[in-house]
Amino acid sequence: TINLEKDNINFGNYTRMLFQKLIVHMMIFENKDSAYKIADFSHKLYPQDLYLMFYMYFIRIRKLKEEIHGTLREMLGSYIILDKEKSYDYNFRDTQLLEILLAELNTLDGNIEMREKILTTIDDSEALRLWETLGTEV
């Protein structure tokens, strides 16, 4: 774990650049959590530094994309093993509500072609209304 405190830093002419290099080093070695902590901390010290701002948001966006992709895989796995017939008997409806979520996750994951394939199979008007409330552009 990284413990960053302003009092523990010896500031000089190259401190900003050292932070930048350390962040890149952490990202190369897939230590995103530490890289984000350093980027966030150093950006607060140097709020005008575009590189530090870039690294902070770049790492955050990458983490969000990984979370979206992981959620998509997890939900897809749950959907695949779901007994659709039992689910219909239990809920008195088919799985199109879940398919709306799969379409949204594919949109967020950048897979527009798959989203379109999913949406063309949905004929449940309630599910389609929910799709519209997600505010996702079609």
C-alpha atoms as a PDB file:
ATOM      1  CA  THR A   1       0.000   0.000   0.000  1.00  0.00           C
ATOM      2  CA  ILE A   2       1.070   3.518  -0.700  1.00  0.00           C
ATOM      3  CA  ASN A   3       0.909   6.082   2.078  1.00  0.00           C
ATOM      4  CA  LEU A   4       1.225   9.542   0.567  1.00  0.00           C
ATOM      5  CA  GLU A   5       1.468  12.566   2.791  1.00  0.00           C
ATOM      6  CA  LYS A   6       2.484  16.045   1.757  1.00  0.00           C
ATOM      7  CA  ASP A   7       4.787  16.359   4.792  1.00  0.00           C
ATOM      8  CA  ASN A   8       6.830  13.335   3.642  1.00  0.00           C
ATOM      9  CA  ILE A   9       7.733  14.805   0.245  1.00  0.00           C
ATOM     10  CA  ASN A  10      10.891  16.738  -0.464  1.00  0.00           C
ATOM     11  CA  PHE A  11       9.632  19.188  -3.091  1.00  0.00           C
ATOM     12  CA  GLY A  12      11.980  20.333  -5.821  1.00  0.00           C
ATOM     13  CA  ASN A  13      12.108  21.282  -9.481  1.00  0.00           C
ATOM     14  CA  TYR A  14      11.442  17.734 -10.658  1.00  0.00           C
ATOM     15  CA  THR A  15       8.807  16.551  -8.172  1.00  0.00           C
ATOM     16  CA  ARG A  16       5.943  16.841 -10.665  1.00  0.00           C
ATOM     17  CA  MET A  17       7.840  14.896 -13.312  1.00  0.00           C
ATOM     18  CA  LEU A  18       8.767  12.216 -10.791  1.00  0.00           C
ATOM     19  CA  PHE A  19       5.094  11.796  -9.954  1.00  0.00           C
ATOM     20  CA  GLN A  20       4.303  11.524 -13.680  1.00  0.00           C
ATOM     21  CA  LYS A  21       7.018   8.894 -14.230  1.00  0.00           C
ATOM     22  CA  LEU A  22       5.938   6.921 -11.169  1.00  0.00           C
ATOM     23  CA  ILE A  23       2.317   6.865 -12.351  1.00  0.00           C
ATOM     24  CA  VAL A  24       3.336   5.604 -15.805  1.00  0.00           C
ATOM     25  CA  HIS A  25       5.564   2.983 -14.185  1.00  0.00           C
ATOM     26  CA  MET A  26       2.670   1.782 -12.002  1.00  0.00           C
ATOM     27  CA  MET A  27       0.331   1.621 -15.004  1.00  0.00           C
ATOM     28  CA  ILE A  28       2.849  -0.375 -17.065  1.00  0.00           C
ATOM     29  CA  PHE A  29       3.094  -2.934 -14.278  1.00  0.00           C
ATOM     30  CA  GLU A  30      -0.714  -3.082 -13.926  1.00  0.00           C
ATOM     31  CA  ASN A  31      -0.805  -1.543 -10.481  1.00  0.00           C
ATOM     32  CA  LYS A  32      -3.805   0.662 -11.247  1.00  0.00           C
ATOM     33  CA  ASP A  33      -4.864   1.231  -7.648  1.00  0.00           C
ATOM     34  CA  SER A  34      -1.488   2.641  -6.650  1.00  0.00           C
ATOM     35  CA  ALA A  35      -1.235   4.584  -9.902  1.00  0.00           C
ATOM     36  CA  TYR A  36      -4.643   6.148  -9.242  1.00  0.00           C
ATOM     37  CA  LYS A  37      -3.729   7.052  -5.644  1.00  0.00           C
ATOM     38  CA  ILE A  38      -0.544   8.740  -6.809  1.00  0.00           C
ATOM     39  CA  ALA A  39      -2.312  10.524  -9.682  1.00  0.00           C
ATOM     40  CA  ASP A  40      -5.108  11.763  -7.438  1.00  0.00           C
ATOM     41  CA  PHE A  41      -2.689  12.882  -4.717  1.00  0.00           C
ATOM     42  CA  SER A  42      -0.259  14.591  -7.078  1.00  0.00           C
ATOM     43  CA  HIS A  43      -3.046  16.263  -9.065  1.00  0.00           C
ATOM     44  CA  LYS A  44      -4.250  17.879  -5.841  1.00  0.00           C
ATOM     45  CA  LEU A  45      -0.722  19.217  -5.313  1.00  0.00           C
ATOM     46  CA  TYR A  46      -0.402  20.381  -8.924  1.00  0.00           C
ATOM     47  CA  PRO A  47      -3.955  21.066 -10.168  1.00  0.00           C
ATOM     48  CA  GLN A  48      -2.692  22.854 -13.303  1.00  0.00           C
ATOM     49  CA  ASP A  49      -0.671  19.852 -14.504  1.00  0.00           C
ATOM     50  CA  LEU A  50      -2.519  18.386 -17.483  1.00  0.00           C
ATOM     51  CA  TYR A  51      -0.539  15.136 -17.402  1.00  0.00           C
ATOM     52  CA  LEU A  52      -1.495  14.413 -13.817  1.00  0.00           C
ATOM     53  CA  MET A  53      -5.120  15.268 -14.567  1.00  0.00           C
ATOM     54  CA  PHE A  54      -5.003  13.035 -17.653  1.00  0.00           C
ATOM     55  CA  TYR A  55      -3.537  10.084 -15.744  1.00  0.00           C
ATOM     56  CA  MET A  56      -6.054  10.414 -12.924  1.00  0.00           C
ATOM     57  CA  TYR A  57      -9.083  10.363 -15.242  1.00  0.00           C
ATOM     58  CA  PHE A  58      -7.555   7.868 -17.678  1.00  0.00           C
ATOM     59  CA  ILE A  59      -7.067   5.341 -14.876  1.00  0.00           C
ATOM     60  CA  ARG A  60     -10.559   5.980 -13.523  1.00  0.00           C
ATOM     61  CA  ILE A  61     -12.095   5.447 -16.978  1.00  0.00           C
ATOM     62  CA  ARG A  62     -10.105   2.219 -17.471  1.00  0.00           C
ATOM     63  CA  LYS A  63     -11.319   0.935 -14.111  1.00  0.00           C
ATOM     64  CA  LEU A  64     -14.931   1.762 -15.038  1.00  0.00           C
ATOM     65  CA  LYS A  65     -14.587  -0.012 -18.375  1.00  0.00           C
ATOM     66  CA  GLU A  66     -13.153  -3.074 -16.651  1.00  0.00           C
ATOM     67  CA  GLU A  67     -16.023  -3.040 -14.168  1.00  0.00           C
ATOM     68  CA  ILE A  68     -18.590  -2.764 -16.974  1.00  0.00           C
ATOM     69  CA  HIS A  69     -16.930  -5.581 -18.900  1.00  0.00           C
ATOM     70  CA  GLY A  70     -16.791  -7.754 -15.764  1.00  0.00           C
ATOM     71  CA  THR A  71     -20.458  -7.069 -14.987  1.00  0.00           C
ATOM     72  CA  LEU A  72     -21.381  -7.962 -18.562  1.00  0.00           C
ATOM     73  CA  ARG A  73     -19.512 -11.274 -18.334  1.00  0.00           C
ATOM     74  CA  GLU A  74     -21.027 -12.045 -14.926  1.00  0.00           C
ATOM     75  CA  MET A  75     -24.565 -11.258 -16.043  1.00  0.00           C
ATOM     76  CA  LEU A  76     -24.146 -13.146 -19.289  1.00  0.00           C
ATOM     77  CA  GLY A  77     -22.977 -16.180 -17.309  1.00  0.00           C
ATOM     78  CA  SER A  78     -26.035 -15.942 -15.029  1.00  0.00           C
ATOM     79  CA  TYR A  79     -28.312 -15.492 -18.027  1.00  0.00           C
ATOM     80  CA  ILE A  80     -26.877 -18.499 -19.865  1.00  0.00           C
ATOM     81  CA  ILE A  81     -27.406 -20.884 -16.947  1.00  0.00           C
ATOM     82  CA  LEU A  82     -30.891 -19.524 -16.141  1.00  0.00           C
ATOM     83  CA  ASP A  83     -33.621 -22.077 -16.768  1.00  0.00           C
ATOM     84  CA  LYS A  84     -35.745 -19.875 -19.030  1.00  0.00           C
ATOM     85  CA  GLU A  85     -38.801 -22.129 -18.847  1.00  0.00           C
ATOM     86  CA  LYS A  86     -38.837 -22.235 -15.036  1.00  0.00           C
ATOM     87  CA  SER A  87     -38.201 -18.503 -14.942  1.00  0.00           C
ATOM     88  CA  TYR A  88     -41.216 -17.908 -17.196  1.00  0.00           C
ATOM     89  CA  ASP A  89     -43.428 -20.104 -15.017  1.00  0.00           C
ATOM     90  CA  TYR A  90     -42.188 -18.319 -11.876  1.00  0.00           C
ATOM     91  CA  ASN A  91     -42.425 -14.739 -13.192  1.00  0.00           C
ATOM     92  CA  PHE A  92     -45.182 -15.104 -15.807  1.00  0.00           C
ATOM     93  CA  ARG A  93     -42.946 -13.466 -18.367  1.00  0.00           C
ATOM     94  CA  ASP A  94     -39.901 -14.301 -20.413  1.00  0.00           C
ATOM     95  CA  THR A  95     -36.362 -13.006 -19.924  1.00  0.00           C
ATOM     96  CA  GLN A  96     -36.570  -9.874 -22.069  1.00  0.00           C
ATOM     97  CA  LEU A  97     -36.045  -7.607 -19.053  1.00  0.00           C
ATOM     98  CA  LEU A  98     -32.659  -9.242 -18.558  1.00  0.00           C
ATOM     99  CA  GLU A  99     -31.954  -8.835 -22.249  1.00  0.00           C
ATOM    100  CA  ILE A 100     -32.476  -5.075 -21.864  1.00  0.00           C
ATOM    101  CA  LEU A 101     -29.698  -5.065 -19.258  1.00  0.00           C
ATOM    102  CA  LEU A 102     -27.475  -7.095 -21.579  1.00  0.00           C
ATOM    103  CA  ALA A 103     -28.141  -4.557 -24.347  1.00  0.00           C
ATOM    104  CA  GLU A 104     -27.202  -1.689 -22.008  1.00  0.00           C
ATOM    105  CA  LEU A 105     -24.029  -3.392 -20.820  1.00  0.00           C
ATOM    106  CA  ASN A 106     -23.042  -4.082 -24.431  1.00  0.00           C
ATOM    107  CA  THR A 107     -23.634  -0.406 -25.214  1.00  0.00           C
ATOM    108  CA  LEU A 108     -21.409   0.668 -22.332  1.00  0.00           C
ATOM    109  CA  ASP A 109     -18.816  -1.894 -23.416  1.00  0.00           C
ATOM    110  CA  GLY A 110     -18.841  -0.395 -26.928  1.00  0.00           C
ATOM    111  CA  ASN A 111     -20.386  -3.424 -28.602  1.00  0.00           C
ATOM    112  CA  ILE A 112     -23.119  -1.627 -30.558  1.00  0.00           C
ATOM    113  CA  GLU A 113     -23.562  -4.462 -33.078  1.00  0.00           C
ATOM    114  CA  MET A 114     -24.393  -6.934 -30.284  1.00  0.00           C
ATOM    115  CA  ARG A 115     -26.718  -4.385 -28.685  1.00  0.00           C
ATOM    116  CA  GLU A 116     -28.632  -4.082 -31.937  1.00  0.00           C
ATOM    117  CA  LYS A 117     -28.926  -7.874 -32.276  1.00  0.00           C
ATOM    118  CA  ILE A 118     -30.326  -8.097 -28.756  1.00  0.00           C
ATOM    119  CA  LEU A 119     -32.785  -5.229 -29.233  1.00  0.00           C
ATOM    120  CA  THR A 120     -34.218  -6.639 -32.457  1.00  0.00           C
ATOM    121  CA  THR A 121     -35.316  -9.778 -30.570  1.00  0.00           C
ATOM    122  CA  ILE A 122     -37.223  -7.841 -27.876  1.00  0.00           C
ATOM    123  CA  ASP A 123     -40.946  -7.395 -28.390  1.00  0.00           C
ATOM    124  CA  ASP A 124     -41.978  -6.847 -24.758  1.00  0.00           C
ATOM    125  CA  SER A 125     -43.354  -3.277 -24.684  1.00  0.00           C
ATOM    126  CA  GLU A 126     -42.614  -2.859 -20.951  1.00  0.00           C
ATOM    127  CA  ALA A 127     -39.008  -3.932 -21.472  1.00  0.00           C
ATOM    128  CA  LEU A 128     -38.660  -1.517 -24.398  1.00  0.00           C
ATOM    129  CA  ARG A 129     -40.094   1.330 -22.285  1.00  0.00           C
ATOM    130  CA  LEU A 130     -37.477   0.557 -19.640  1.00  0.00           C
ATOM    131  CA  TRP A 131     -34.824   0.667 -22.375  1.00  0.00           C
ATOM    132  CA  GLU A 132     -35.992   4.154 -23.278  1.00  0.00           C
ATOM    133  CA  THR A 133     -35.752   5.295 -19.637  1.00  0.00           C
ATOM    134  CA  LEU A 134     -32.094   4.231 -19.542  1.00  0.00           C
ATOM    135  CA  GLY A 135     -31.491   7.155 -21.887  1.00  0.00           C
ATOM    136  CA  THR A 136     -29.230   5.161 -24.134  1.00  0.00           C
ATOM    137  CA  GLU A 137     -29.053   6.469 -27.650  1.00  0.00           C
ATOM    138  CA  VAL A 138     -30.031   3.938 -30.264  1.00  0.00           C
END
